[in-house]
Amino acid sequence: MYHLIKKDILMQKRAMKLSLLLMIFFTFTLSQLELVGYTVAVLAVTYQLALGASSLEDKNNSDKILISLPIKRNIIVLSKYVSVYVYAAYAILFYSLINAIGHILHLPLDFPLTLSGVMGAVVAVTLFSSISFPLIFKYGYLKSKMANIIIFFVIIFGGTAFFKFINAGENLALSQKLTAFLSEMSNAGTFILLVGVLLVMISVSYAISLSFYNKREF
């Protein structure tokens, strides 16, 4: 699995360089949006790299090569899901580095590494990959490209609209409850519950993707 993830990263050298520029851009443009901006920024980079790898594989017919090798299909599918969190971790670490440099240089940036920010990003990434990957493994990247673009923007604009809704004056109580919930992420019980929900979501998605991939003919 390690080598499959490494392969996805190495074949995206140009995309990795572009992602660095995107993260610098997002830090300056989305930092004022706080939790929402942080979530969108991490999701955007993860989307770029995860689907970029699928795009290159689709264009180069890499699936035909992979299934001809002594690699089980479940490992191929699992590596894609794991790679999503590798990309998200990469984005989170780089945003933290940019934020630290910004503070040293006294730049007007506020993209700190917080537990609520990380969990928001993980939830968004998990939700996106749970919906996106089954489509890719069933139809291939090119055929599911438009659907994945729609899913990406639905999650972004839907999430943004949700936060605007709960922050409205008449929904202040709901906003306060959500803020309290996020601030209590350090509580072991709450954290375990959220992780459990995400694990169930990603596990079901993985099982569906594997079923589709096993039935595909190349």
N, C-alpha and C. Protein backbone atom coordinates (compact mmCIF):
# COMPACT_ATOMS: atom_id res chain seq x y z
N MET A 1 0.82 -1.21 0.00
CA MET A 1 0.00 0.00 0.00
C MET A 1 0.86 1.27 0.00
N TYR A 2 1.94 1.22 0.78
CA TYR A 2 2.85 2.37 0.86
C TYR A 2 3.37 2.75 -0.52
N HIS A 3 3.74 1.74 -1.30
CA HIS A 3 4.30 2.00 -2.62
C HIS A 3 3.24 2.55 -3.58
N LEU A 4 1.99 2.15 -3.41
CA LEU A 4 0.92 2.68 -4.25
C LEU A 4 0.68 4.16 -3.95
N ILE A 5 0.69 4.51 -2.68
CA ILE A 5 0.52 5.91 -2.30
C ILE A 5 1.71 6.74 -2.76
N LYS A 6 2.91 6.17 -2.59
CA LYS A 6 4.12 6.85 -3.04
C LYS A 6 4.08 7.09 -4.54
N LYS A 7 3.58 6.10 -5.27
CA LYS A 7 3.45 6.22 -6.73
C LYS A 7 2.54 7.38 -7.11
N ASP A 8 1.41 7.50 -6.40
CA ASP A 8 0.46 8.59 -6.67
C ASP A 8 1.10 9.95 -6.43
N ILE A 9 1.93 10.04 -5.40
CA ILE A 9 2.58 11.31 -5.08
C ILE A 9 3.67 11.66 -6.09
N LEU A 10 4.49 10.67 -6.42
CA LEU A 10 5.62 10.92 -7.33
C LEU A 10 5.16 11.29 -8.74
N MET A 11 4.05 10.73 -9.19
CA MET A 11 3.61 11.03 -10.55
C MET A 11 2.85 12.37 -10.61
N GLN A 12 2.76 13.04 -9.46
CA GLN A 12 2.08 14.34 -9.42
C GLN A 12 3.03 15.46 -8.97
N LYS A 13 4.26 15.41 -9.42
CA LYS A 13 5.24 16.41 -8.98
C LYS A 13 4.79 17.83 -9.32
N ARG A 14 4.27 18.01 -10.52
CA ARG A 14 3.80 19.34 -10.92
C ARG A 14 2.58 19.76 -10.10
N ALA A 15 1.70 18.80 -9.85
CA ALA A 15 0.50 19.10 -9.05
C ALA A 15 0.87 19.44 -7.61
N MET A 16 1.91 18.79 -7.09
CA MET A 16 2.35 19.08 -5.73
C MET A 16 2.88 20.51 -5.64
N LYS A 17 3.63 20.93 -6.66
CA LYS A 17 4.14 22.30 -6.68
C LYS A 17 2.99 23.30 -6.78
N LEU A 18 2.01 22.97 -7.61
CA LEU A 18 0.84 23.84 -7.75
C LEU A 18 0.07 23.93 -6.44
N SER A 19 0.00 22.82 -5.72
CA SER A 19 -0.73 22.81 -4.45
C SER A 19 -0.09 23.75 -3.43
N LEU A 20 1.23 23.90 -3.49
CA LEU A 20 1.91 24.83 -2.58
C LEU A 20 1.47 26.26 -2.86
N LEU A 21 1.38 26.60 -4.14
CA LEU A 21 0.93 27.94 -4.52
C LEU A 21 -0.53 28.16 -4.12
N LEU A 22 -1.35 27.11 -4.30
CA LEU A 22 -2.75 27.20 -3.91
C LEU A 22 -2.91 27.43 -2.41
N MET A 23 -2.09 26.75 -1.62
CA MET A 23 -2.19 26.88 -0.17
C MET A 23 -1.77 28.27 0.29
N ILE A 24 -0.76 28.84 -0.36
CA ILE A 24 -0.37 30.22 -0.04
C ILE A 24 -1.52 31.17 -0.38
N PHE A 25 -2.13 30.94 -1.54
CA PHE A 25 -3.26 31.77 -1.98
C PHE A 25 -4.45 31.63 -1.02
N PHE A 26 -4.79 30.39 -0.65
CA PHE A 26 -5.92 30.17 0.25
C PHE A 26 -5.68 30.77 1.63
N THR A 27 -4.42 30.75 2.07
CA THR A 27 -4.11 31.30 3.39
C THR A 27 -4.45 32.78 3.45
N PHE A 28 -4.17 33.50 2.37
CA PHE A 28 -4.44 34.93 2.33
C PHE A 28 -5.92 35.24 2.06
N THR A 29 -6.60 34.38 1.31
CA THR A 29 -7.98 34.68 0.90
C THR A 29 -9.05 34.06 1.80
N LEU A 30 -8.72 32.97 2.49
CA LEU A 30 -9.74 32.27 3.28
C LEU A 30 -9.54 32.36 4.79
N SER A 31 -8.44 32.96 5.23
CA SER A 31 -8.15 32.98 6.66
C SER A 31 -9.21 33.76 7.45
N GLN A 32 -9.87 34.73 6.80
CA GLN A 32 -10.89 35.52 7.50
C GLN A 32 -12.17 34.73 7.75
N LEU A 33 -12.31 33.60 7.06
CA LEU A 33 -13.52 32.78 7.23
C LEU A 33 -13.40 31.78 8.37
N GLU A 34 -12.25 31.79 9.04
CA GLU A 34 -11.99 30.96 10.21
C GLU A 34 -12.21 29.47 9.93
N LEU A 35 -13.11 28.81 10.69
CA LEU A 35 -13.29 27.36 10.57
C LEU A 35 -13.74 26.95 9.18
N VAL A 36 -14.67 27.69 8.59
CA VAL A 36 -15.16 27.37 7.25
C VAL A 36 -14.03 27.50 6.23
N GLY A 37 -13.27 28.59 6.33
CA GLY A 37 -12.17 28.81 5.41
C GLY A 37 -11.11 27.73 5.51
N TYR A 38 -10.81 27.32 6.74
CA TYR A 38 -9.80 26.28 6.96
C TYR A 38 -10.26 24.96 6.35
N THR A 39 -11.52 24.63 6.58
CA THR A 39 -12.08 23.38 6.04
C THR A 39 -12.05 23.37 4.52
N VAL A 40 -12.47 24.47 3.91
CA VAL A 40 -12.47 24.57 2.45
C VAL A 40 -11.06 24.49 1.91
N ALA A 41 -10.11 25.15 2.58
CA ALA A 41 -8.72 25.17 2.11
C ALA A 41 -8.11 23.77 2.10
N VAL A 42 -8.35 23.01 3.16
CA VAL A 42 -7.81 21.64 3.23
C VAL A 42 -8.50 20.74 2.22
N LEU A 43 -9.83 20.86 2.12
CA LEU A 43 -10.59 20.02 1.19
C LEU A 43 -10.17 20.29 -0.25
N ALA A 44 -9.93 21.55 -0.60
CA ALA A 44 -9.57 21.90 -1.98
C ALA A 44 -8.26 21.25 -2.40
N VAL A 45 -7.27 21.28 -1.52
CA VAL A 45 -5.97 20.66 -1.84
C VAL A 45 -6.10 19.15 -1.91
N THR A 46 -6.86 18.58 -0.99
CA THR A 46 -7.08 17.13 -1.00
C THR A 46 -7.79 16.70 -2.27
N TYR A 47 -8.80 17.46 -2.67
CA TYR A 47 -9.54 17.20 -3.91
C TYR A 47 -8.60 17.24 -5.11
N GLN A 48 -7.76 18.27 -5.17
CA GLN A 48 -6.84 18.44 -6.29
C GLN A 48 -5.91 17.24 -6.44
N LEU A 49 -5.32 16.79 -5.34
CA LEU A 49 -4.33 15.72 -5.40
C LEU A 49 -4.96 14.34 -5.54
N ALA A 50 -6.04 14.09 -4.81
CA ALA A 50 -6.69 12.78 -4.88
C ALA A 50 -7.26 12.51 -6.26
N LEU A 51 -7.99 13.48 -6.80
CA LEU A 51 -8.58 13.29 -8.12
C LEU A 51 -7.56 13.48 -9.23
N GLY A 52 -6.50 14.22 -8.94
CA GLY A 52 -5.42 14.36 -9.92
C GLY A 52 -4.75 13.02 -10.17
N ALA A 53 -4.54 12.25 -9.11
CA ALA A 53 -3.94 10.93 -9.25
C ALA A 53 -4.86 10.01 -10.05
N SER A 54 -6.15 10.07 -9.76
CA SER A 54 -7.12 9.24 -10.49
C SER A 54 -7.18 9.62 -11.96
N SER A 55 -7.05 10.92 -12.23
CA SER A 55 -7.07 11.40 -13.61
C SER A 55 -5.89 10.86 -14.41
N LEU A 56 -4.70 10.92 -13.82
CA LEU A 56 -3.51 10.43 -14.51
C LEU A 56 -3.59 8.93 -14.74
N GLU A 57 -4.10 8.20 -13.76
CA GLU A 57 -4.24 6.75 -13.92
C GLU A 57 -5.24 6.42 -15.02
N ASP A 58 -6.31 7.17 -15.08
CA ASP A 58 -7.32 6.92 -16.10
C ASP A 58 -6.77 7.19 -17.50
N LYS A 59 -6.02 8.27 -17.64
CA LYS A 59 -5.46 8.63 -18.94
C LYS A 59 -4.39 7.63 -19.40
N ASN A 60 -3.64 7.10 -18.44
CA ASN A 60 -2.54 6.18 -18.77
C ASN A 60 -2.95 4.71 -18.69
N ASN A 61 -4.24 4.45 -18.44
CA ASN A 61 -4.73 3.07 -18.29
C ASN A 61 -3.93 2.29 -17.24
N SER A 62 -3.62 2.97 -16.14
CA SER A 62 -2.81 2.35 -15.09
C SER A 62 -3.51 1.18 -14.42
N ASP A 63 -4.86 1.20 -14.43
CA ASP A 63 -5.59 0.10 -13.79
C ASP A 63 -5.27 -1.24 -14.44
N LYS A 64 -5.12 -1.24 -15.75
CA LYS A 64 -4.78 -2.48 -16.45
C LYS A 64 -3.44 -3.02 -16.00
N ILE A 65 -2.50 -2.11 -15.75
CA ILE A 65 -1.17 -2.52 -15.29
C ILE A 65 -1.24 -3.02 -13.86
N LEU A 66 -1.98 -2.29 -13.01
CA LEU A 66 -2.05 -2.65 -11.60
C LEU A 66 -2.67 -4.02 -11.37
N ILE A 67 -3.77 -4.31 -12.09
CA ILE A 67 -4.43 -5.60 -11.86
C ILE A 67 -3.65 -6.76 -12.47
N SER A 68 -2.68 -6.44 -13.33
CA SER A 68 -1.84 -7.50 -13.89
C SER A 68 -0.69 -7.85 -12.94
N LEU A 69 -0.49 -7.01 -11.94
CA LEU A 69 0.56 -7.24 -10.95
C LEU A 69 0.00 -8.05 -9.78
N PRO A 70 0.88 -8.67 -9.00
CA PRO A 70 0.40 -9.46 -7.84
C PRO A 70 -0.04 -8.56 -6.68
N ILE A 71 -1.00 -7.70 -6.98
CA ILE A 71 -1.54 -6.80 -5.96
C ILE A 71 -3.05 -7.03 -5.87
N LYS A 72 -3.53 -7.30 -4.69
CA LYS A 72 -4.96 -7.55 -4.53
C LYS A 72 -5.75 -6.26 -4.76
N ARG A 73 -6.93 -6.42 -5.32
CA ARG A 73 -7.75 -5.25 -5.63
C ARG A 73 -8.16 -4.49 -4.37
N ASN A 74 -8.35 -5.21 -3.27
CA ASN A 74 -8.73 -4.51 -2.04
C ASN A 74 -7.62 -3.58 -1.56
N ILE A 75 -6.36 -3.94 -1.82
CA ILE A 75 -5.24 -3.09 -1.45
C ILE A 75 -5.21 -1.84 -2.34
N ILE A 76 -5.50 -2.03 -3.61
CA ILE A 76 -5.53 -0.90 -4.55
C ILE A 76 -6.60 0.11 -4.12
N VAL A 77 -7.78 -0.41 -3.78
CA VAL A 77 -8.88 0.47 -3.35
C VAL A 77 -8.55 1.13 -2.02
N LEU A 78 -8.05 0.35 -1.08
CA LEU A 78 -7.73 0.89 0.24
C LEU A 78 -6.67 1.99 0.17
N SER A 79 -5.70 1.81 -0.72
CA SER A 79 -4.63 2.81 -0.83
C SER A 79 -5.18 4.17 -1.25
N LYS A 80 -6.23 4.17 -2.07
CA LYS A 80 -6.84 5.43 -2.49
C LYS A 80 -7.48 6.15 -1.30
N TYR A 81 -8.16 5.38 -0.46
CA TYR A 81 -8.80 5.99 0.71
C TYR A 81 -7.77 6.52 1.70
N VAL A 82 -6.71 5.76 1.92
CA VAL A 82 -5.66 6.19 2.84
C VAL A 82 -4.95 7.43 2.30
N SER A 83 -4.74 7.47 0.99
CA SER A 83 -4.02 8.59 0.38
C SER A 83 -4.74 9.92 0.61
N VAL A 84 -6.06 9.87 0.69
CA VAL A 84 -6.84 11.09 0.93
C VAL A 84 -6.41 11.75 2.24
N TYR A 85 -6.21 10.94 3.27
CA TYR A 85 -5.81 11.48 4.57
C TYR A 85 -4.34 11.89 4.58
N VAL A 86 -3.54 11.26 3.74
CA VAL A 86 -2.15 11.68 3.57
C VAL A 86 -2.11 13.08 2.97
N TYR A 87 -2.93 13.30 1.94
CA TYR A 87 -2.99 14.63 1.31
C TYR A 87 -3.54 15.67 2.29
N ALA A 88 -4.55 15.29 3.06
CA ALA A 88 -5.12 16.22 4.03
C ALA A 88 -4.10 16.60 5.10
N ALA A 89 -3.33 15.60 5.57
CA ALA A 89 -2.29 15.86 6.57
C ALA A 89 -1.21 16.78 5.99
N TYR A 90 -0.87 16.55 4.74
CA TYR A 90 0.11 17.40 4.05
C TYR A 90 -0.39 18.84 4.01
N ALA A 91 -1.65 19.03 3.68
CA ALA A 91 -2.22 20.38 3.62
C ALA A 91 -2.25 21.03 5.00
N ILE A 92 -2.66 20.28 6.00
CA ILE A 92 -2.74 20.81 7.36
C ILE A 92 -1.36 21.24 7.86
N LEU A 93 -0.36 20.41 7.63
CA LEU A 93 1.00 20.73 8.07
C LEU A 93 1.54 21.97 7.35
N PHE A 94 1.28 22.07 6.05
CA PHE A 94 1.80 23.22 5.30
C PHE A 94 1.08 24.50 5.69
N TYR A 95 -0.22 24.42 5.92
CA TYR A 95 -0.96 25.60 6.38
C TYR A 95 -0.42 26.07 7.74
N SER A 96 -0.07 25.12 8.59
CA SER A 96 0.50 25.46 9.90
C SER A 96 1.83 26.16 9.73
N LEU A 97 2.63 25.69 8.78
CA LEU A 97 3.93 26.30 8.51
C LEU A 97 3.77 27.73 7.99
N ILE A 98 2.84 27.91 7.05
CA ILE A 98 2.58 29.25 6.51
C ILE A 98 2.10 30.19 7.62
N ASN A 99 1.22 29.68 8.49
CA ASN A 99 0.70 30.49 9.58
C ASN A 99 1.81 30.91 10.54
N ALA A 100 2.73 29.97 10.82
CA ALA A 100 3.85 30.27 11.72
C ALA A 100 4.76 31.34 11.11
N ILE A 101 5.05 31.19 9.81
CA ILE A 101 5.88 32.18 9.12
C ILE A 101 5.18 33.54 9.10
N GLY A 102 3.86 33.52 8.90
CA GLY A 102 3.09 34.76 8.90
C GLY A 102 3.18 35.49 10.22
N HIS A 103 3.12 34.75 11.34
CA HIS A 103 3.23 35.37 12.66
C HIS A 103 4.62 35.95 12.88
N ILE A 104 5.63 35.23 12.41
CA ILE A 104 7.01 35.72 12.57
C ILE A 104 7.21 37.03 11.80
N LEU A 105 6.62 37.09 10.61
CA LEU A 105 6.75 38.28 9.76
C LEU A 105 5.68 39.33 10.03
N HIS A 106 4.80 39.04 11.02
CA HIS A 106 3.72 39.96 11.41
C HIS A 106 2.77 40.24 10.24
N LEU A 107 2.44 39.19 9.51
CA LEU A 107 1.50 39.32 8.40
C LEU A 107 0.07 39.14 8.93
N PRO A 108 -0.91 39.74 8.28
CA PRO A 108 -2.31 39.64 8.75
C PRO A 108 -2.93 38.29 8.41
N LEU A 109 -2.37 37.24 8.97
CA LEU A 109 -2.87 35.89 8.70
C LEU A 109 -3.33 35.25 10.00
N ASP A 110 -4.38 34.47 9.93
CA ASP A 110 -4.87 33.77 11.12
C ASP A 110 -5.45 32.43 10.70
N PHE A 111 -4.55 31.49 10.44
CA PHE A 111 -4.93 30.14 10.03
C PHE A 111 -4.30 29.13 11.00
N PRO A 112 -4.60 29.25 12.29
CA PRO A 112 -3.94 28.42 13.29
C PRO A 112 -4.38 26.96 13.24
N LEU A 113 -3.52 26.09 13.71
CA LEU A 113 -3.85 24.67 13.79
C LEU A 113 -4.65 24.44 15.07
N THR A 114 -5.93 24.14 14.91
CA THR A 114 -6.80 23.88 16.05
C THR A 114 -7.47 22.52 15.87
N LEU A 115 -7.87 21.93 16.98
CA LEU A 115 -8.51 20.63 16.91
C LEU A 115 -9.84 20.71 16.16
N SER A 116 -10.60 21.78 16.40
CA SER A 116 -11.88 21.93 15.71
C SER A 116 -11.67 22.12 14.21
N GLY A 117 -10.60 22.84 13.84
CA GLY A 117 -10.28 23.03 12.43
C GLY A 117 -9.89 21.73 11.75
N VAL A 118 -9.06 20.95 12.43
CA VAL A 118 -8.63 19.66 11.88
C VAL A 118 -9.81 18.72 11.73
N MET A 119 -10.67 18.66 12.76
CA MET A 119 -11.81 17.77 12.70
C MET A 119 -12.80 18.21 11.62
N GLY A 120 -12.97 19.51 11.46
CA GLY A 120 -13.85 19.99 10.39
C GLY A 120 -13.33 19.58 9.03
N ALA A 121 -12.00 19.69 8.85
CA ALA A 121 -11.38 19.29 7.59
C ALA A 121 -11.51 17.79 7.36
N VAL A 122 -11.29 17.01 8.41
CA VAL A 122 -11.38 15.55 8.30
C VAL A 122 -12.80 15.12 7.95
N VAL A 123 -13.78 15.76 8.57
CA VAL A 123 -15.18 15.44 8.26
C VAL A 123 -15.49 15.74 6.79
N ALA A 124 -15.05 16.91 6.31
CA ALA A 124 -15.31 17.29 4.92
C ALA A 124 -14.61 16.35 3.95
N VAL A 125 -13.36 16.02 4.24
CA VAL A 125 -12.59 15.11 3.37
C VAL A 125 -13.21 13.72 3.35
N THR A 126 -13.63 13.25 4.52
CA THR A 126 -14.26 11.93 4.61
C THR A 126 -15.58 11.90 3.85
N LEU A 127 -16.38 12.94 4.01
CA LEU A 127 -17.66 13.01 3.32
C LEU A 127 -17.46 13.02 1.81
N PHE A 128 -16.51 13.82 1.35
CA PHE A 128 -16.26 13.91 -0.09
C PHE A 128 -15.76 12.59 -0.66
N SER A 129 -14.75 11.99 -0.02
CA SER A 129 -14.18 10.74 -0.54
C SER A 129 -15.18 9.60 -0.45
N SER A 130 -16.04 9.61 0.56
CA SER A 130 -17.03 8.54 0.71
C SER A 130 -18.03 8.53 -0.43
N ILE A 131 -18.30 9.71 -0.99
CA ILE A 131 -19.23 9.80 -2.12
C ILE A 131 -18.50 9.68 -3.45
N SER A 132 -17.34 10.28 -3.52
CA SER A 132 -16.59 10.37 -4.79
C SER A 132 -15.98 9.06 -5.25
N PHE A 133 -15.32 8.35 -4.35
CA PHE A 133 -14.58 7.15 -4.75
C PHE A 133 -15.46 6.03 -5.32
N PRO A 134 -16.64 5.77 -4.75
CA PRO A 134 -17.48 4.74 -5.37
C PRO A 134 -17.80 5.05 -6.83
N LEU A 135 -18.00 6.33 -7.15
CA LEU A 135 -18.26 6.71 -8.54
C LEU A 135 -17.04 6.47 -9.42
N ILE A 136 -15.86 6.81 -8.89
CA ILE A 136 -14.63 6.62 -9.66
C ILE A 136 -14.36 5.15 -9.91
N PHE A 137 -14.54 4.32 -8.89
CA PHE A 137 -14.26 2.89 -9.04
C PHE A 137 -15.31 2.18 -9.89
N LYS A 138 -16.48 2.77 -10.01
CA LYS A 138 -17.51 2.16 -10.86
C LYS A 138 -17.39 2.60 -12.32
N TYR A 139 -17.21 3.91 -12.52
CA TYR A 139 -17.23 4.44 -13.88
C TYR A 139 -15.88 4.91 -14.41
N GLY A 140 -14.89 5.06 -13.52
CA GLY A 140 -13.62 5.64 -13.93
C GLY A 140 -13.64 7.14 -13.70
N TYR A 141 -12.46 7.76 -13.68
CA TYR A 141 -12.39 9.18 -13.36
C TYR A 141 -13.09 10.06 -14.40
N LEU A 142 -12.79 9.84 -15.67
CA LEU A 142 -13.30 10.72 -16.72
C LEU A 142 -14.83 10.74 -16.77
N LYS A 143 -15.45 9.56 -16.64
CA LYS A 143 -16.91 9.49 -16.70
C LYS A 143 -17.58 10.09 -15.46
N SER A 144 -16.86 10.07 -14.35
CA SER A 144 -17.46 10.59 -13.10
C SER A 144 -16.94 11.99 -12.76
N LYS A 145 -16.17 12.58 -13.67
CA LYS A 145 -15.55 13.88 -13.40
C LYS A 145 -16.57 14.96 -13.06
N MET A 146 -17.58 15.10 -13.89
CA MET A 146 -18.58 16.15 -13.67
C MET A 146 -19.33 15.94 -12.36
N ALA A 147 -19.67 14.69 -12.07
CA ALA A 147 -20.37 14.39 -10.81
C ALA A 147 -19.51 14.76 -9.61
N ASN A 148 -18.20 14.49 -9.69
CA ASN A 148 -17.30 14.81 -8.59
C ASN A 148 -17.13 16.31 -8.41
N ILE A 149 -17.14 17.05 -9.51
CA ILE A 149 -17.06 18.51 -9.41
C ILE A 149 -18.30 19.05 -8.71
N ILE A 150 -19.46 18.50 -9.08
CA ILE A 150 -20.72 18.93 -8.45
C ILE A 150 -20.70 18.60 -6.96
N ILE A 151 -20.25 17.40 -6.61
CA ILE A 151 -20.18 16.98 -5.21
C ILE A 151 -19.27 17.92 -4.42
N PHE A 152 -18.13 18.27 -5.00
CA PHE A 152 -17.16 19.15 -4.35
C PHE A 152 -17.80 20.50 -4.01
N PHE A 153 -18.47 21.10 -4.99
CA PHE A 153 -19.06 22.41 -4.75
C PHE A 153 -20.30 22.35 -3.86
N VAL A 154 -21.03 21.24 -3.92
CA VAL A 154 -22.18 21.08 -3.03
C VAL A 154 -21.71 21.05 -1.58
N ILE A 155 -20.62 20.32 -1.32
CA ILE A 155 -20.08 20.24 0.04
C ILE A 155 -19.59 21.61 0.50
N ILE A 156 -18.88 22.32 -0.38
CA ILE A 156 -18.35 23.64 -0.02
C ILE A 156 -19.47 24.65 0.24
N PHE A 157 -20.35 24.81 -0.76
CA PHE A 157 -21.41 25.81 -0.62
C PHE A 157 -22.47 25.39 0.39
N GLY A 158 -22.71 24.07 0.47
CA GLY A 158 -23.66 23.58 1.45
C GLY A 158 -23.15 23.80 2.87
N GLY A 159 -21.86 23.51 3.08
CA GLY A 159 -21.26 23.73 4.39
C GLY A 159 -21.23 25.20 4.76
N THR A 160 -20.87 26.05 3.78
CA THR A 160 -20.83 27.49 4.02
C THR A 160 -22.22 28.03 4.36
N ALA A 161 -23.22 27.58 3.61
CA ALA A 161 -24.60 28.02 3.86
C ALA A 161 -25.07 27.57 5.24
N PHE A 162 -24.65 26.37 5.64
CA PHE A 162 -25.04 25.85 6.95
C PHE A 162 -24.48 26.73 8.06
N PHE A 163 -23.20 27.09 7.95
CA PHE A 163 -22.59 27.93 8.98
C PHE A 163 -23.20 29.32 9.01
N LYS A 164 -23.56 29.86 7.83
CA LYS A 164 -24.22 31.16 7.79
C LYS A 164 -25.59 31.08 8.44
N PHE A 165 -26.27 29.94 8.22
CA PHE A 165 -27.61 29.75 8.78
C PHE A 165 -27.58 29.71 10.30
N ILE A 166 -26.64 28.95 10.84
CA ILE A 166 -26.60 28.80 12.30
C ILE A 166 -26.05 30.05 12.98
N ASN A 167 -25.33 30.89 12.23
CA ASN A 167 -24.79 32.11 12.81
C ASN A 167 -25.75 33.29 12.69
N ALA A 168 -26.89 33.07 12.02
CA ALA A 168 -27.90 34.11 11.92
C ALA A 168 -28.49 34.38 13.30
N GLY A 169 -29.00 35.59 13.49
CA GLY A 169 -29.48 36.00 14.81
C GLY A 169 -30.52 35.06 15.39
N GLU A 170 -31.47 34.63 14.55
CA GLU A 170 -32.55 33.78 15.06
C GLU A 170 -32.08 32.36 15.36
N ASN A 171 -30.88 32.03 14.89
CA ASN A 171 -30.35 30.68 15.12
C ASN A 171 -29.14 30.70 16.05
N LEU A 172 -29.06 31.76 16.87
CA LEU A 172 -27.90 31.94 17.73
C LEU A 172 -27.72 30.78 18.71
N ALA A 173 -28.83 30.26 19.23
CA ALA A 173 -28.75 29.16 20.18
C ALA A 173 -28.11 27.93 19.54
N LEU A 174 -28.51 27.64 18.30
CA LEU A 174 -27.93 26.50 17.58
C LEU A 174 -26.45 26.72 17.33
N SER A 175 -26.09 27.96 17.00
CA SER A 175 -24.69 28.30 16.76
C SER A 175 -23.86 28.09 18.02
N GLN A 176 -24.42 28.50 19.15
CA GLN A 176 -23.71 28.34 20.42
C GLN A 176 -23.53 26.87 20.77
N LYS A 177 -24.55 26.07 20.46
CA LYS A 177 -24.45 24.63 20.73
C LYS A 177 -23.37 23.99 19.87
N LEU A 178 -23.30 24.38 18.59
CA LEU A 178 -22.29 23.83 17.69
C LEU A 178 -20.90 24.24 18.14
N THR A 179 -20.76 25.52 18.53
CA THR A 179 -19.46 26.00 19.01
C THR A 179 -19.03 25.23 20.25
N ALA A 180 -19.98 25.00 21.15
CA ALA A 180 -19.68 24.25 22.36
C ALA A 180 -19.28 22.82 22.02
N PHE A 181 -19.97 22.24 21.03
CA PHE A 181 -19.66 20.86 20.61
C PHE A 181 -18.24 20.78 20.08
N LEU A 182 -17.87 21.73 19.21
CA LEU A 182 -16.53 21.72 18.63
C LEU A 182 -15.46 21.97 19.68
N SER A 183 -15.77 22.82 20.65
CA SER A 183 -14.80 23.12 21.69
C SER A 183 -14.60 21.96 22.64
N GLU A 184 -15.55 21.02 22.64
CA GLU A 184 -15.46 19.86 23.51
C GLU A 184 -14.85 18.64 22.82
N MET A 185 -14.24 18.87 21.65
CA MET A 185 -13.65 17.76 20.92
C MET A 185 -12.56 17.06 21.72
N SER A 186 -11.98 17.78 22.67
CA SER A 186 -10.94 17.17 23.49
C SER A 186 -11.53 16.14 24.44
N ASN A 187 -12.85 16.23 24.64
CA ASN A 187 -13.53 15.25 25.47
C ASN A 187 -13.47 13.89 24.79
N ALA A 188 -12.95 12.90 25.47
CA ALA A 188 -12.72 11.58 24.88
C ALA A 188 -13.99 10.97 24.30
N GLY A 189 -15.10 11.07 25.02
CA GLY A 189 -16.34 10.47 24.55
C GLY A 189 -16.84 11.08 23.26
N THR A 190 -16.83 12.40 23.20
CA THR A 190 -17.28 13.10 21.99
C THR A 190 -16.38 12.78 20.81
N PHE A 191 -15.08 12.78 21.07
CA PHE A 191 -14.10 12.50 20.02
C PHE A 191 -14.28 11.09 19.47
N ILE A 192 -14.44 10.12 20.35
CA ILE A 192 -14.61 8.73 19.93
C ILE A 192 -15.90 8.55 19.13
N LEU A 193 -16.97 9.24 19.55
CA LEU A 193 -18.24 9.16 18.83
C LEU A 193 -18.09 9.67 17.40
N LEU A 194 -17.44 10.81 17.24
CA LEU A 194 -17.26 11.39 15.91
C LEU A 194 -16.39 10.50 15.04
N VAL A 195 -15.30 10.01 15.61
CA VAL A 195 -14.42 9.11 14.86
C VAL A 195 -15.16 7.85 14.45
N GLY A 196 -16.02 7.34 15.35
CA GLY A 196 -16.80 6.15 15.03
C GLY A 196 -17.73 6.36 13.86
N VAL A 197 -18.40 7.51 13.83
CA VAL A 197 -19.30 7.84 12.71
C VAL A 197 -18.53 7.93 11.41
N LEU A 198 -17.37 8.58 11.45
CA LEU A 198 -16.54 8.72 10.24
C LEU A 198 -16.03 7.37 9.76
N LEU A 199 -15.66 6.50 10.70
CA LEU A 199 -15.17 5.17 10.33
C LEU A 199 -16.26 4.34 9.66
N VAL A 200 -17.47 4.43 10.19
CA VAL A 200 -18.59 3.71 9.58
C VAL A 200 -18.84 4.23 8.17
N MET A 201 -18.83 5.54 8.02
CA MET A 201 -19.07 6.17 6.73
C MET A 201 -18.03 5.73 5.70
N ILE A 202 -16.76 5.81 6.07
CA ILE A 202 -15.69 5.48 5.12
C ILE A 202 -15.62 3.98 4.87
N SER A 203 -15.99 3.17 5.87
CA SER A 203 -15.97 1.71 5.70
C SER A 203 -17.05 1.26 4.72
N VAL A 204 -18.23 1.84 4.83
CA VAL A 204 -19.32 1.51 3.91
C VAL A 204 -18.94 1.93 2.50
N SER A 205 -18.36 3.11 2.38
CA SER A 205 -17.92 3.60 1.07
C SER A 205 -16.86 2.69 0.47
N TYR A 206 -15.91 2.27 1.31
CA TYR A 206 -14.85 1.37 0.85
C TYR A 206 -15.42 0.05 0.34
N ALA A 207 -16.37 -0.50 1.08
CA ALA A 207 -16.99 -1.77 0.69
C ALA A 207 -17.71 -1.63 -0.66
N ILE A 208 -18.39 -0.51 -0.86
CA ILE A 208 -19.09 -0.27 -2.13
C ILE A 208 -18.08 -0.11 -3.26
N SER A 209 -17.02 0.65 -3.02
CA SER A 209 -15.99 0.86 -4.04
C SER A 209 -15.33 -0.45 -4.43
N LEU A 210 -15.02 -1.27 -3.44
CA LEU A 210 -14.38 -2.55 -3.71
C LEU A 210 -15.29 -3.46 -4.52
N SER A 211 -16.59 -3.44 -4.19
CA SER A 211 -17.55 -4.24 -4.94
C SER A 211 -17.60 -3.80 -6.40
N PHE A 212 -17.63 -2.50 -6.63
CA PHE A 212 -17.63 -1.97 -8.00
C PHE A 212 -16.34 -2.33 -8.73
N TYR A 213 -15.22 -2.18 -8.05
CA TYR A 213 -13.91 -2.41 -8.68
C TYR A 213 -13.73 -3.88 -9.04
N ASN A 214 -14.23 -4.76 -8.19
CA ASN A 214 -14.13 -6.20 -8.47
C ASN A 214 -14.94 -6.60 -9.70
N LYS A 215 -16.00 -5.85 -9.97
CA LYS A 215 -16.87 -6.18 -11.10
C LYS A 215 -16.44 -5.51 -12.40
N ARG A 216 -15.53 -4.54 -12.29
CA ARG A 216 -15.11 -3.82 -13.50
C ARG A 216 -14.21 -4.68 -14.38
N GLU A 217 -14.38 -4.51 -15.66
CA GLU A 217 -13.53 -5.21 -16.63
C GLU A 217 -12.66 -4.19 -17.34
N PHE A 218 -11.38 -4.53 -17.47
CA PHE A 218 -10.43 -3.60 -18.09
C PHE A 218 -9.90 -4.19 -19.40
